PDB file of N, CA and C in Angstrom:
ATOM      1  N   MET A   1    -121.828  11.320  53.846  1.00  0.00           N
ATOM      2  CA  MET A   1    -122.832  10.355  53.524  1.00  0.00           C
ATOM      3  C   MET A   1    -122.324   9.194  52.651  1.00  0.00           C
ATOM      4  N   THR A   2    -122.677   7.989  52.837  1.00  0.00           N
ATOM      5  CA  THR A   2    -121.572   6.798  52.059  1.00  0.00           C
ATOM      6  C   THR A   2    -122.340   6.667  50.993  1.00  0.00           C
ATOM      7  N   VAL A   3    -121.918   5.736  50.127  1.00  0.00           N
ATOM      8  CA  VAL A   3    -122.479   5.373  48.551  1.00  0.00           C
ATOM      9  C   VAL A   3    -123.674   4.913  48.722  1.00  0.00           C
ATOM     10  N   LEU A   4    -123.801   3.843  49.595  1.00  0.00           N
ATOM     11  CA  LEU A   4    -125.514   3.213  49.776  1.00  0.00           C
ATOM     12  C   LEU A   4    -126.577   4.128  50.290  1.00  0.00           C
ATOM     13  N   ASN A   5    -126.031   5.208  50.961  1.00  0.00           N
ATOM     14  CA  ASN A   5    -126.895   5.998  51.417  1.00  0.00           C
ATOM     15  C   ASN A   5    -127.202   7.104  50.013  1.00  0.00           C
ATOM     16  N   LEU A   6    -126.084   7.433  49.085  1.00  0.00           N
ATOM     17  CA  LEU A   6    -126.526   7.951  47.907  1.00  0.00           C
ATOM     18  C   LEU A   6    -127.506   7.229  47.126  1.00  0.00           C
ATOM     19  N   ALA A   7    -127.174   5.913  46.920  1.00  0.00           N
ATOM     20  CA  ALA A   7    -127.793   4.986  46.321  1.00  0.00           C
ATOM     21  C   ALA A   7    -129.412   4.784  46.744  1.00  0.00           C
ATOM     22  N   ALA A   8    -129.484   4.995  47.858  1.00  0.00           N
ATOM     23  CA  ALA A   8    -131.046   4.958  48.560  1.00  0.00           C
ATOM     24  C   ALA A   8    -131.726   6.383  48.070  1.00  0.00           C
ATOM     25  N   VAL A   9    -131.032   7.271  48.253  1.00  0.00           N
ATOM     26  CA  VAL A   9    -131.803   8.671  47.915  1.00  0.00           C
ATOM     27  C   VAL A   9    -132.145   8.414  46.427  1.00  0.00           C
ATOM     28  N   ALA A  10    -131.120   8.035  45.432  1.00  0.00           N
ATOM     29  CA  ALA A  10    -131.640   7.898  44.004  1.00  0.00           C
ATOM     30  C   ALA A  10    -132.526   6.999  43.847  1.00  0.00           C
ATOM     31  N   ILE A  11    -132.535   5.982  44.549  1.00  0.00           N
ATOM     32  CA  ILE A  11    -133.618   4.826  44.065  1.00  0.00           C
ATOM     33  C   ILE A  11    -135.217   5.438  44.395  1.00  0.00           C
ATOM     34  N   GLY A  12    -134.953   6.022  45.824  1.00  0.00           N
ATOM     35  CA  GLY A  12    -136.254   6.786  46.426  1.00  0.00           C
ATOM     36  C   GLY A  12    -136.653   7.624  45.225  1.00  0.00           C
ATOM     37  N   GLY A  13    -135.618   8.503  44.538  1.00  0.00           N
ATOM     38  CA  GLY A  13    -135.722   9.699  43.996  1.00  0.00           C
ATOM     39  C   GLY A  13    -136.558   9.071  42.982  1.00  0.00           C
ATOM     40  N   PHE A  14    -135.941   8.190  42.149  1.00  0.00           N
ATOM     41  CA  PHE A  14    -136.472   7.748  40.990  1.00  0.00           C
ATOM     42  C   PHE A  14    -138.152   7.236  40.894  1.00  0.00           C
ATOM     43  N   PHE A  15    -138.352   6.700  42.061  1.00  0.00           N
ATOM     44  CA  PHE A  15    -139.872   6.331  42.103  1.00  0.00           C
ATOM     45  C   PHE A  15    -140.673   7.570  42.433  1.00  0.00           C
ATOM     46  N   GLY A  16    -140.434   8.499  43.347  1.00  0.00           N
ATOM     47  CA  GLY A  16    -141.089   9.380  43.806  1.00  0.00           C
ATOM     48  C   GLY A  16    -141.062  10.387  42.644  1.00  0.00           C
ATOM     49  N   ALA A  17    -140.211  10.511  41.579  1.00  0.00           N
ATOM     50  CA  ALA A  17    -140.338  11.312  40.521  1.00  0.00           C
ATOM     51  C   ALA A  17    -141.537  10.682  39.280  1.00  0.00           C
ATOM     52  N   ILE A  18    -141.480   9.473  39.460  1.00  0.00           N
ATOM     53  CA  ILE A  18    -142.351   8.854  38.791  1.00  0.00           C
ATOM     54  C   ILE A  18    -143.917   8.839  39.014  1.00  0.00           C
ATOM     55  N   ILE A  19    -143.936   8.509  40.365  1.00  0.00           N
ATOM     56  CA  ILE A  19    -145.218   8.579  40.897  1.00  0.00           C
ATOM     57  C   ILE A  19    -145.771  10.244  41.229  1.00  0.00           C
ATOM     58  N   ARG A  20    -145.072  11.184  41.116  1.00  0.00           N
ATOM     59  CA  ARG A  20    -145.821  12.532  41.088  1.00  0.00           C
ATOM     60  C   ARG A  20    -146.103  12.943  39.865  1.00  0.00           C
ATOM     61  N   TYR A  21    -145.228  12.523  38.687  1.00  0.00           N
ATOM     62  CA  TYR A  21    -145.612  12.939  37.444  1.00  0.00           C
ATOM     63  C   TYR A  21    -146.575  12.274  37.031  1.00  0.00           C
ATOM     64  N   GLN A  22    -146.868  10.873  37.278  1.00  0.00           N
ATOM     65  CA  GLN A  22    -148.306  10.448  36.756  1.00  0.00           C
ATOM     66  C   GLN A  22    -149.462  10.884  37.802  1.00  0.00           C
ATOM     67  N   LEU A  23    -149.362  11.140  38.706  1.00  0.00           N
ATOM     68  CA  LEU A  23    -150.405  11.503  39.558  1.00  0.00           C
ATOM     69  C   LEU A  23    -151.019  13.135  39.125  1.00  0.00           C
ATOM     70  N   SER A  24    -149.908  13.705  38.833  1.00  0.00           N
ATOM     71  CA  SER A  24    -150.098  15.303  38.480  1.00  0.00           C
ATOM     72  C   SER A  24    -150.749  15.199  37.208  1.00  0.00           C
ATOM     73  N   LYS A  25    -150.212  14.415  36.112  1.00  0.00           N
ATOM     74  CA  LYS A  25    -150.637  14.145  34.981  1.00  0.00           C
ATOM     75  C   LYS A  25    -152.177  13.954  34.801  1.00  0.00           C
ATOM     76  N   LYS A  26    -152.427  12.787  35.775  1.00  0.00           N
ATOM     77  CA  LYS A  26    -153.912  12.210  35.731  1.00  0.00           C
ATOM     78  C   LYS A  26    -154.952  13.398  36.671  1.00  0.00           C
ATOM     79  N   LEU A  27    -154.365  14.055  37.587  1.00  0.00           N
ATOM     80  CA  LEU A  27    -155.447  14.959  38.437  1.00  0.00           C
ATOM     81  C   LEU A  27    -155.417  16.360  38.303  1.00  0.00           C
ATOM     82  N   ASN A  28    -154.295  16.935  37.717  1.00  0.00           N
ATOM     83  CA  ASN A  28    -154.290  18.095  37.341  1.00  0.00           C
ATOM     84  C   ASN A  28    -155.091  18.697  36.011  1.00  0.00           C
ATOM     85  N   THR A  29    -155.856  19.585  36.171  1.00  0.00           N
ATOM     86  CA  THR A  29    -156.750  19.896  34.984  1.00  0.00           C
ATOM     87  C   THR A  29    -156.338  21.412  34.975  1.00  0.00           C
ATOM     88  N   SER A  30    -156.780  22.049  34.144  1.00  0.00           N
ATOM     89  CA  SER A  30    -156.720  23.563  34.183  1.00  0.00           C
ATOM     90  C   SER A  30    -157.694  24.530  34.889  1.00  0.00           C
ATOM     91  N   LYS A  31    -158.674  23.586  35.061  1.00  0.00           N
ATOM     92  CA  LYS A  31    -159.806  25.145  35.871  1.00  0.00           C
ATOM     93  C   LYS A  31    -159.773  24.433  37.136  1.00  0.00           C
ATOM     94  N   ASN A  32    -159.317  23.519  37.922  1.00  0.00           N
ATOM     95  CA  ASN A  32    -159.485  23.431  39.143  1.00  0.00           C
ATOM     96  C   ASN A  32    -158.345  23.387  40.037  1.00  0.00           C
ATOM     97  N   ILE A  33    -158.492  23.179  41.287  1.00  0.00           N
ATOM     98  CA  ILE A  33    -157.428  23.313  42.231  1.00  0.00           C
ATOM     99  C   ILE A  33    -156.749  22.014  41.735  1.00  0.00           C
ATOM    100  N   PRO A  34    -155.313  22.181  41.583  1.00  0.00           N
ATOM    101  CA  PRO A  34    -154.501  20.901  41.052  1.00  0.00           C
ATOM    102  C   PRO A  34    -154.228  20.004  42.260  1.00  0.00           C
ATOM    103  N   TYR A  35    -155.057  19.097  41.936  1.00  0.00           N
ATOM    104  CA  TYR A  35    -155.400  17.962  43.091  1.00  0.00           C
ATOM    105  C   TYR A  35    -154.331  17.056  43.008  1.00  0.00           C
ATOM    106  N   GLY A  36    -153.652  16.553  42.047  1.00  0.00           N
ATOM    107  CA  GLY A  36    -152.541  15.863  41.711  1.00  0.00           C
ATOM    108  C   GLY A  36    -151.267  16.539  42.380  1.00  0.00           C
ATOM    109  N   THR A  37    -151.078  17.817  42.623  1.00  0.00           N
ATOM    110  CA  THR A  37    -150.072  18.220  43.333  1.00  0.00           C
ATOM    111  C   THR A  37    -150.526  18.268  44.720  1.00  0.00           C
ATOM    112  N   ALA A  38    -151.552  18.436  45.299  1.00  0.00           N
ATOM    113  CA  ALA A  38    -152.128  18.871  46.396  1.00  0.00           C
ATOM    114  C   ALA A  38    -151.797  17.251  46.883  1.00  0.00           C
ATOM    115  N   LEU A  39    -152.566  15.956  46.264  1.00  0.00           N
ATOM    116  CA  LEU A  39    -152.184  14.904  46.581  1.00  0.00           C
ATOM    117  C   LEU A  39    -150.801  14.287  46.917  1.00  0.00           C
ATOM    118  N   VAL A  40    -149.950  14.538  46.166  1.00  0.00           N
ATOM    119  CA  VAL A  40    -148.417  13.998  46.255  1.00  0.00           C
ATOM    120  C   VAL A  40    -147.781  14.795  47.200  1.00  0.00           C
ATOM    121  N   ASN A  41    -148.050  16.175  47.857  1.00  0.00           N
ATOM    122  CA  ASN A  41    -147.867  16.961  48.770  1.00  0.00           C
ATOM    123  C   ASN A  41    -147.942  15.975  50.103  1.00  0.00           C
ATOM    124  N   LEU A  42    -149.233  15.844  49.966  1.00  0.00           N
ATOM    125  CA  LEU A  42    -150.011  15.510  51.429  1.00  0.00           C
ATOM    126  C   LEU A  42    -149.311  14.017  51.708  1.00  0.00           C
ATOM    127  N   LEU A  43    -149.232  13.234  50.443  1.00  0.00           N
ATOM    128  CA  LEU A  43    -148.862  11.965  50.891  1.00  0.00           C
ATOM    129  C   LEU A  43    -147.320  12.263  51.183  1.00  0.00           C
ATOM    130  N   GLY A  44    -146.643  12.925  50.689  1.00  0.00           N
ATOM    131  CA  GLY A  44    -145.179  13.136  51.106  1.00  0.00           C
ATOM    132  C   GLY A  44    -144.925  13.640  52.542  1.00  0.00           C
ATOM    133  N   CYS A  45    -146.176  14.309  53.092  1.00  0.00           N
ATOM    134  CA  CYS A  45    -146.217  14.833  54.394  1.00  0.00           C
ATOM    135  C   CYS A  45    -146.425  13.633  55.264  1.00  0.00           C
ATOM    136  N   LEU A  46    -147.420  12.566  55.072  1.00  0.00           N
ATOM    137  CA  LEU A  46    -147.727  11.481  55.508  1.00  0.00           C
ATOM    138  C   LEU A  46    -146.647  10.517  55.912  1.00  0.00           C
ATOM    139  N   LEU A  47    -145.750  10.549  54.689  1.00  0.00           N
ATOM    140  CA  LEU A  47    -144.558   9.508  54.812  1.00  0.00           C
ATOM    141  C   LEU A  47    -143.675  10.151  55.520  1.00  0.00           C
ATOM    142  N   VAL A  48    -143.360  11.532  55.551  1.00  0.00           N
ATOM    143  CA  VAL A  48    -142.212  11.954  56.255  1.00  0.00           C
ATOM    144  C   VAL A  48    -142.685  12.134  57.945  1.00  0.00           C
ATOM    145  N   GLY A  49    -143.840  11.949  58.231  1.00  0.00           N
ATOM    146  CA  GLY A  49    -144.489  12.031  59.663  1.00  0.00           C
ATOM    147  C   GLY A  49    -144.145  10.306  59.910  1.00  0.00           C
ATOM    148  N   PHE A  50    -144.853   9.550  59.081  1.00  0.00           N
ATOM    149  CA  PHE A  50    -144.572   7.916  59.352  1.00  0.00           C
ATOM    150  C   PHE A  50    -143.016   7.455  59.813  1.00  0.00           C
ATOM    151  N   VAL A  51    -142.295   8.101  58.759  1.00  0.00           N
ATOM    152  CA  VAL A  51    -140.780   7.449  58.634  1.00  0.00           C
ATOM    153  C   VAL A  51    -140.183   7.982  60.028  1.00  0.00           C
ATOM    154  N   PHE A  52    -140.288   9.335  60.494  1.00  0.00           N
ATOM    155  CA  PHE A  52    -139.837   9.843  61.831  1.00  0.00           C
ATOM    156  C   PHE A  52    -140.308   9.423  62.962  1.00  0.00           C
ATOM    157  N   GLY A  53    -141.695   8.969  62.880  1.00  0.00           N
ATOM    158  CA  GLY A  53    -142.464   8.236  63.899  1.00  0.00           C
ATOM    159  C   GLY A  53    -142.200   6.910  64.143  1.00  0.00           C
ATOM    160  N   LEU A  54    -141.773   6.242  63.346  1.00  0.00           N
ATOM    161  CA  LEU A  54    -140.842   4.912  63.175  1.00  0.00           C
ATOM    162  C   LEU A  54    -139.590   4.929  63.637  1.00  0.00           C
ATOM    163  N   GLN A  55    -138.960   6.117  63.697  1.00  0.00           N
ATOM    164  CA  GLN A  55    -137.447   6.019  63.711  1.00  0.00           C
ATOM    165  C   GLN A  55    -136.511   4.899  63.213  1.00  0.00           C
ATOM    166  N   LEU A  56    -136.942   4.882  61.793  1.00  0.00           N
ATOM    167  CA  LEU A  56    -136.298   4.038  60.911  1.00  0.00           C
ATOM    168  C   LEU A  56    -134.818   4.189  60.879  1.00  0.00           C
ATOM    169  N   SER A  57    -133.887   3.275  60.199  1.00  0.00           N
ATOM    170  CA  SER A  57    -132.560   2.941  60.149  1.00  0.00           C
ATOM    171  C   SER A  57    -132.465   4.292  59.163  1.00  0.00           C
ATOM    172  N   THR A  58    -130.939   4.892  59.320  1.00  0.00           N
ATOM    173  CA  THR A  58    -130.748   6.199  58.462  1.00  0.00           C
ATOM    174  C   THR A  58    -130.682   5.650  56.833  1.00  0.00           C
ATOM    175  N   GLY A  59    -130.544   4.390  56.649  1.00  0.00           N
ATOM    176  CA  GLY A  59    -130.608   3.999  55.188  1.00  0.00           C
ATOM    177  C   GLY A  59    -132.005   4.232  54.401  1.00  0.00           C
ATOM    178  N   LEU A  60    -132.836   3.580  55.507  1.00  0.00           N
ATOM    179  CA  LEU A  60    -134.455   3.622  55.399  1.00  0.00           C
ATOM    180  C   LEU A  60    -134.983   4.748  54.984  1.00  0.00           C
ATOM    181  N   THR A  61    -134.568   5.858  56.021  1.00  0.00           N
ATOM    182  CA  THR A  61    -134.991   7.201  56.065  1.00  0.00           C
ATOM    183  C   THR A  61    -134.366   8.094  54.927  1.00  0.00           C
ATOM    184  N   PHE A  62    -132.952   7.715  54.600  1.00  0.00           N
ATOM    185  CA  PHE A  62    -132.645   8.511  53.212  1.00  0.00           C
ATOM    186  C   PHE A  62    -133.437   7.966  51.985  1.00  0.00           C
ATOM    187  N   LEU A  63    -133.954   6.474  51.966  1.00  0.00           N
ATOM    188  CA  LEU A  63    -134.497   6.319  50.677  1.00  0.00           C
ATOM    189  C   LEU A  63    -135.943   6.775  50.751  1.00  0.00           C
ATOM    190  N   LEU A  64    -136.791   6.897  51.696  1.00  0.00           N
ATOM    191  CA  LEU A  64    -138.152   7.240  52.113  1.00  0.00           C
ATOM    192  C   LEU A  64    -138.324   8.566  52.219  1.00  0.00           C
ATOM    193  N   VAL A  65    -137.204   9.365  52.833  1.00  0.00           N
ATOM    194  CA  VAL A  65    -137.621  10.832  53.024  1.00  0.00           C
ATOM    195  C   VAL A  65    -136.951  11.974  52.123  1.00  0.00           C
ATOM    196  N   SER A  66    -135.873  11.280  51.960  1.00  0.00           N
ATOM    197  CA  SER A  66    -134.701  12.393  50.977  1.00  0.00           C
ATOM    198  C   SER A  66    -134.882  11.625  49.904  1.00  0.00           C
ATOM    199  N   GLY A  67    -135.149  10.675  49.223  1.00  0.00           N
ATOM    200  CA  GLY A  67    -135.505  10.272  47.975  1.00  0.00           C
ATOM    201  C   GLY A  67    -136.871  10.202  47.823  1.00  0.00           C
ATOM    202  N   LEU A  68    -137.765   9.314  47.887  1.00  0.00           N
ATOM    203  CA  LEU A  68    -138.929   9.053  47.449  1.00  0.00           C
ATOM    204  C   LEU A  68    -139.899  10.367  48.112  1.00  0.00           C
ATOM    205  N   ALA A  69    -140.109  10.819  49.298  1.00  0.00           N
ATOM    206  CA  ALA A  69    -140.811  12.058  49.502  1.00  0.00           C
ATOM    207  C   ALA A  69    -140.163  13.294  48.946  1.00  0.00           C
ATOM    208  N   GLY A  70    -138.742  13.281  48.779  1.00  0.00           N
ATOM    209  CA  GLY A  70    -138.159  14.506  48.072  1.00  0.00           C
ATOM    210  C   GLY A  70    -138.535  14.636  46.822  1.00  0.00           C
ATOM    211  N   ALA A  71    -138.495  13.415  46.088  1.00  0.00           N
ATOM    212  CA  ALA A  71    -138.671  13.818  44.647  1.00  0.00           C
ATOM    213  C   ALA A  71    -140.523  13.555  44.364  1.00  0.00           C
ATOM    214  N   LEU A  72    -141.014  13.065  45.581  1.00  0.00           N
ATOM    215  CA  LEU A  72    -142.624  13.185  45.310  1.00  0.00           C
ATOM    216  C   LEU A  72    -143.547  14.426  45.348  1.00  0.00           C
ATOM    217  N   THR A  73    -142.630  15.136  46.424  1.00  0.00           N
ATOM    218  CA  THR A  73    -143.395  16.461  46.637  1.00  0.00           C
ATOM    219  C   THR A  73    -142.904  17.423  45.902  1.00  0.00           C
ATOM    220  N   THR A  74    -143.406  18.657  46.195  1.00  0.00           N
ATOM    221  CA  THR A  74    -142.955  19.629  45.282  1.00  0.00           C
ATOM    222  C   THR A  74    -143.553  21.058  45.651  1.00  0.00           C
ATOM    223  N   PHE A  75    -142.451  22.059  46.230  1.00  0.00           N
ATOM    224  CA  PHE A  75    -142.904  23.151  46.804  1.00  0.00           C
ATOM    225  C   PHE A  75    -142.756  24.229  45.682  1.00  0.00           C
ATOM    226  N   SER A  76    -141.989  24.330  44.688  1.00  0.00           N
ATOM    227  CA  SER A  76    -141.964  25.127  43.804  1.00  0.00           C
ATOM    228  C   SER A  76    -143.182  25.009  42.819  1.00  0.00           C
ATOM    229  N   THR A  77    -143.474  23.888  42.199  1.00  0.00           N
ATOM    230  CA  THR A  77    -144.789  23.666  41.563  1.00  0.00           C
ATOM    231  C   THR A  77    -145.877  24.153  42.304  1.00  0.00           C
ATOM    232  N   TRP A  78    -145.981  24.040  43.549  1.00  0.00           N
ATOM    233  CA  TRP A  78    -147.098  24.481  44.579  1.00  0.00           C
ATOM    234  C   TRP A  78    -147.210  25.854  44.377  1.00  0.00           C
ATOM    235  N   LEU A  79    -145.883  26.487  44.842  1.00  0.00           N
ATOM    236  CA  LEU A  79    -146.085  27.910  44.549  1.00  0.00           C
ATOM    237  C   LEU A  79    -146.782  28.586  43.099  1.00  0.00           C
ATOM    238  N   LYS A  80    -145.795  27.974  42.074  1.00  0.00           N
ATOM    239  CA  LYS A  80    -146.423  28.337  40.712  1.00  0.00           C
ATOM    240  C   LYS A  80    -147.811  28.493  40.658  1.00  0.00           C
ATOM    241  N   GLU A  81    -148.335  27.465  41.227  1.00  0.00           N
ATOM    242  CA  GLU A  81    -149.923  26.992  40.737  1.00  0.00           C
ATOM    243  C   GLU A  81    -150.454  28.283  41.565  1.00  0.00           C
ATOM    244  N   ILE A  82    -150.068  28.566  42.727  1.00  0.00           N
ATOM    245  CA  ILE A  82    -150.835  29.499  43.588  1.00  0.00           C
ATOM    246  C   ILE A  82    -150.601  30.908  43.020  1.00  0.00           C
ATOM    247  N   LEU A  83    -149.481  31.219  42.405  1.00  0.00           N
ATOM    248  CA  LEU A  83    -149.404  32.422  41.752  1.00  0.00           C
ATOM    249  C   LEU A  83    -149.952  32.454  40.319  1.00  0.00           C
ATOM    250  N   GLY A  84    -150.250  31.205  39.929  1.00  0.00           N
ATOM    251  CA  GLY A  84    -151.073  31.395  38.513  1.00  0.00           C
ATOM    252  C   GLY A  84    -152.595  31.684  38.650  1.00  0.00           C
ATOM    253  N   MET A  85    -153.029  31.149  39.793  1.00  0.00           N
ATOM    254  CA  MET A  85    -154.490  31.378  40.250  1.00  0.00           C
ATOM    255  C   MET A  85    -154.430  32.909  40.526  1.00  0.00           C
ATOM    256  N   SER A  86    -153.518  33.532  41.221  1.00  0.00           N
ATOM    257  CA  SER A  86    -153.648  34.926  41.391  1.00  0.00           C
ATOM    258  C   SER A  86    -153.594  35.720  40.367  1.00  0.00           C
ATOM    259  N   LYS A  87    -152.733  35.150  39.134  1.00  0.00           N
ATOM    260  CA  LYS A  87    -152.785  36.237  38.047  1.00  0.00           C
ATOM    261  C   LYS A  87    -154.023  36.157  37.399  1.00  0.00           C
ATOM    262  N   VAL A  88    -154.837  35.090  37.261  1.00  0.00           N
ATOM    263  CA  VAL A  88    -156.173  35.008  36.509  1.00  0.00           C
ATOM    264  C   VAL A  88    -157.123  35.374  37.502  1.00  0.00           C
ATOM    265  N   HIS A  89    -156.977  36.271  38.712  1.00  0.00           N
ATOM    266  CA  HIS A  89    -157.786  36.633  39.576  1.00  0.00           C
ATOM    267  C   HIS A  89    -159.155  35.743  40.394  1.00  0.00           C
ATOM    268  N   GLU A  90    -158.070  34.377  40.694  1.00  0.00           N
ATOM    269  CA  GLU A  90    -158.889  33.724  41.274  1.00  0.00           C
ATOM    270  C   GLU A  90    -158.080  33.547  42.654  1.00  0.00           C
ATOM    271  N   ILE A  91    -158.083  34.868  43.299  1.00  0.00           N
ATOM    272  CA  ILE A  91    -157.531  34.920  44.835  1.00  0.00           C
ATOM    273  C   ILE A  91    -158.153  34.130  45.872  1.00  0.00           C
ATOM    274  N   GLY A  92    -159.390  33.959  45.944  1.00  0.00           N
ATOM    275  CA  GLY A  92    -160.042  33.063  46.844  1.00  0.00           C
ATOM    276  C   GLY A  92    -159.684  31.454  46.597  1.00  0.00           C
ATOM    277  N   LYS A  93    -159.555  31.192  45.561  1.00  0.00           N
ATOM    278  CA  LYS A  93    -159.286  29.790  45.113  1.00  0.00           C
ATOM    279  C   LYS A  93    -157.448  29.582  45.782  1.00  0.00           C
ATOM    280  N   ALA A  94    -156.987  30.557  44.987  1.00  0.00           N
ATOM    281  CA  ALA A  94    -155.298  30.601  45.500  1.00  0.00           C
ATOM    282  C   ALA A  94    -155.432  30.648  47.228  1.00  0.00           C
ATOM    283  N   PHE A  95    -156.061  31.349  47.869  1.00  0.00           N
ATOM    284  CA  PHE A  95    -155.994  31.493  49.255  1.00  0.00           C
ATOM    285  C   PHE A  95    -156.466  30.123  50.151  1.00  0.00           C
ATOM    286  N   LEU A  96    -157.548  29.546  49.482  1.00  0.00           N
ATOM    287  CA  LEU A  96    -157.997  28.083  49.749  1.00  0.00           C
ATOM    288  C   LEU A  96    -157.027  27.173  49.741  1.00  0.00           C
ATOM    289  N   TYR A  97    -156.345  26.990  48.321  1.00  0.00           N
ATOM    290  CA  TYR A  97    -155.487  26.183  48.176  1.00  0.00           C
ATOM    291  C   TYR A  97    -153.980  26.374  49.247  1.00  0.00           C
ATOM    292  N   LEU A  98    -153.680  27.612  49.274  1.00  0.00           N
ATOM    293  CA  LEU A  98    -152.498  27.870  49.985  1.00  0.00           C
ATOM    294  C   LEU A  98    -153.030  27.265  51.595  1.00  0.00           C
ATOM    295  N   THR A  99    -153.810  27.710  51.914  1.00  0.00           N
ATOM    296  CA  THR A  99    -154.182  27.568  53.405  1.00  0.00           C
ATOM    297  C   THR A  99    -154.539  26.091  53.804  1.00  0.00           C
ATOM    298  N   ALA A 100    -155.114  25.241  52.852  1.00  0.00           N
ATOM    299  CA  ALA A 100    -155.723  24.174  52.993  1.00  0.00           C
ATOM    300  C   ALA A 100    -154.304  23.103  52.857  1.00  0.00           C
ATOM    301  N   SER A 101    -153.369  23.496  51.919  1.00  0.00           N
ATOM    302  CA  SER A 101    -152.364  22.829  51.873  1.00  0.00           C
ATOM    303  C   SER A 101    -151.273  22.793  53.119  1.00  0.00           C
ATOM    304  N   ILE A 102    -151.337  24.089  53.734  1.00  0.00           N
ATOM    305  CA  ILE A 102    -150.458  24.144  54.773  1.00  0.00           C
ATOM    306  C   ILE A 102    -151.084  23.237  56.160  1.00  0.00           C
ATOM    307  N   VAL A 103    -152.472  23.766  56.354  1.00  0.00           N
ATOM    308  CA  VAL A 103    -153.163  22.955  57.648  1.00  0.00           C
ATOM    309  C   VAL A 103    -153.217  21.548  57.343  1.00  0.00           C
ATOM    310  N   LEU A 104    -153.701  21.162  56.018  1.00  0.00           N
ATOM    311  CA  LEU A 104    -153.518  19.587  55.773  1.00  0.00           C
ATOM    312  C   LEU A 104    -152.129  19.229  55.913  1.00  0.00           C
ATOM    313  N   GLY A 105    -151.350  19.583  55.448  1.00  0.00           N
ATOM    314  CA  GLY A 105    -149.832  19.159  55.548  1.00  0.00           C
ATOM    315  C   GLY A 105    -149.551  18.673  56.973  1.00  0.00           C
ATOM    316  N   PHE A 106    -149.735  19.945  57.740  1.00  0.00           N
ATOM    317  CA  PHE A 106    -149.416  19.701  59.036  1.00  0.00           C
ATOM    318  C   PHE A 106    -149.933  18.516  59.845  1.00  0.00           C
ATOM    319  N   ALA A 107    -151.264  18.361  59.533  1.00  0.00           N
ATOM    320  CA  ALA A 107    -152.387  17.285  59.931  1.00  0.00           C
ATOM    321  C   ALA A 107    -151.576  15.897  59.403  1.00  0.00           C
ATOM    322  N   PHE A 108    -151.239  15.966  58.179  1.00  0.00           N
ATOM    323  CA  PHE A 108    -150.655  14.870  57.803  1.00  0.00           C
ATOM    324  C   PHE A 108    -149.231  14.235  58.320  1.00  0.00           C
ATOM    325  N   VAL A 109    -148.467  15.165  58.491  1.00  0.00           N
ATOM    326  CA  VAL A 109    -147.043  14.800  59.294  1.00  0.00           C
ATOM    327  C   VAL A 109    -147.712  14.522  60.545  1.00  0.00           C
ATOM    328  N   TYR A 110    -148.166  15.026  61.460  1.00  0.00           N
ATOM    329  CA  TYR A 110    -148.871  14.571  62.518  1.00  0.00           C
ATOM    330  C   TYR A 110    -149.417  13.124  62.587  1.00  0.00           C
ATOM    331  N   ILE A 111    -150.284  12.983  61.634  1.00  0.00           N
ATOM    332  CA  ILE A 111    -151.043  11.745  61.904  1.00  0.00           C
ATOM    333  C   ILE A 111    -149.855  10.499  61.492  1.00  0.00           C
ATOM    334  N   GLY A 112    -149.088  10.978  60.489  1.00  0.00           N
ATOM    335  CA  GLY A 112    -148.220   9.993  60.038  1.00  0.00           C
ATOM    336  C   GLY A 112    -147.137   9.505  61.355  1.00  0.00           C
ATOM    337  N   PHE A 113    -146.708  10.679  62.101  1.00  0.00           N
ATOM    338  CA  PHE A 113    -145.977  10.581  62.998  1.00  0.00           C
ATOM    339  C   PHE A 113    -146.488   9.812  64.439  1.00  0.00           C
ATOM    340  N   THR A 114    -147.642  10.289  64.497  1.00  0.00           N
ATOM    341  CA  THR A 114    -148.124   9.552  65.770  1.00  0.00           C
ATOM    342  C   THR A 114    -148.716   7.904  65.351  1.00  0.00           C
ATOM    343  N   GLY A 115    -148.835   7.939  64.020  1.00  0.00           N
ATOM    344  CA  GLY A 115    -149.344   6.464  63.384  1.00  0.00           C
ATOM    345  C   GLY A 115    -148.234   5.446  63.523  1.00  0.00           C
ATOM    346  N   GLY A 116    -146.966   6.099  63.189  1.00  0.00           N
ATOM    347  CA  GLY A 116    -145.835   5.567  62.926  1.00  0.00           C
ATOM    348  C   GLY A 116    -145.478   5.036  64.625  1.00  0.00           C
ATOM    349  N   SER A 117    -145.591   5.827  65.404  1.00  0.00           N
ATOM    350  CA  SER A 117    -145.285   5.756  67.129  1.00  0.00           C
ATOM    351  C   SER A 117    -146.286   4.413  67.397  1.00  0.00           C
ATOM    352  N   PHE A 118    -147.343   4.631  66.967  1.00  0.00           N
ATOM    353  CA  PHE A 118    -148.362   3.504  67.424  1.00  0.00           C
ATOM    354  C   PHE A 118    -148.431   2.061  67.085  1.00  0.00           C
ATOM    355  N   PHE A 119    -147.381   2.288  65.887  1.00  0.00           N
ATOM    356  CA  PHE A 119    -147.090   0.739  65.502  1.00  0.00           C
ATOM    357  C   PHE A 119    -145.964   0.250  66.146  1.00  0.00           C
ATOM    358  N   LEU A 120    -145.187   1.043  66.720  1.00  0.00           N
ATOM    359  CA  LEU A 120    -144.138   0.644  67.545  1.00  0.00           C
ATOM    360  C   LEU A 120    -144.452  -0.089  69.066  1.00  0.00           C
ATOM    361  N   GLY A 121    -145.790   0.354  69.396  1.00  0.00           N
ATOM    362  CA  GLY A 121    -146.086   0.156  70.543  1.00  0.00           C
ATOM    363  C   GLY A 121    -146.069   0.788  71.722  1.00  0.00           C
TER     364      GLY A 121
END
């Protein structure tokens, strides 16, 4: 990996982390499904699909996928939230959040990927 690719990851990661923090802070509430976490994870899926659908350069891929999407999305927080719902006996909500995240995540990657291919003609 070159220094420029490392810089691309760092720059993308900087912005991804800030966006994730702000959306989670604004949208996550203690009594609801954590919409902020769900949103950043789905946006990350859409972005990854879009980037790979467009087949961008290595540098842009590092910036947008490894950097921005990598810092924007959060697997560990998502699992912590599901565990937290389970511990307070909200099994139905936890299962809905788990299932919807997986199904919608796949759909968003697919939409991003096919949408990116669409723009290439």
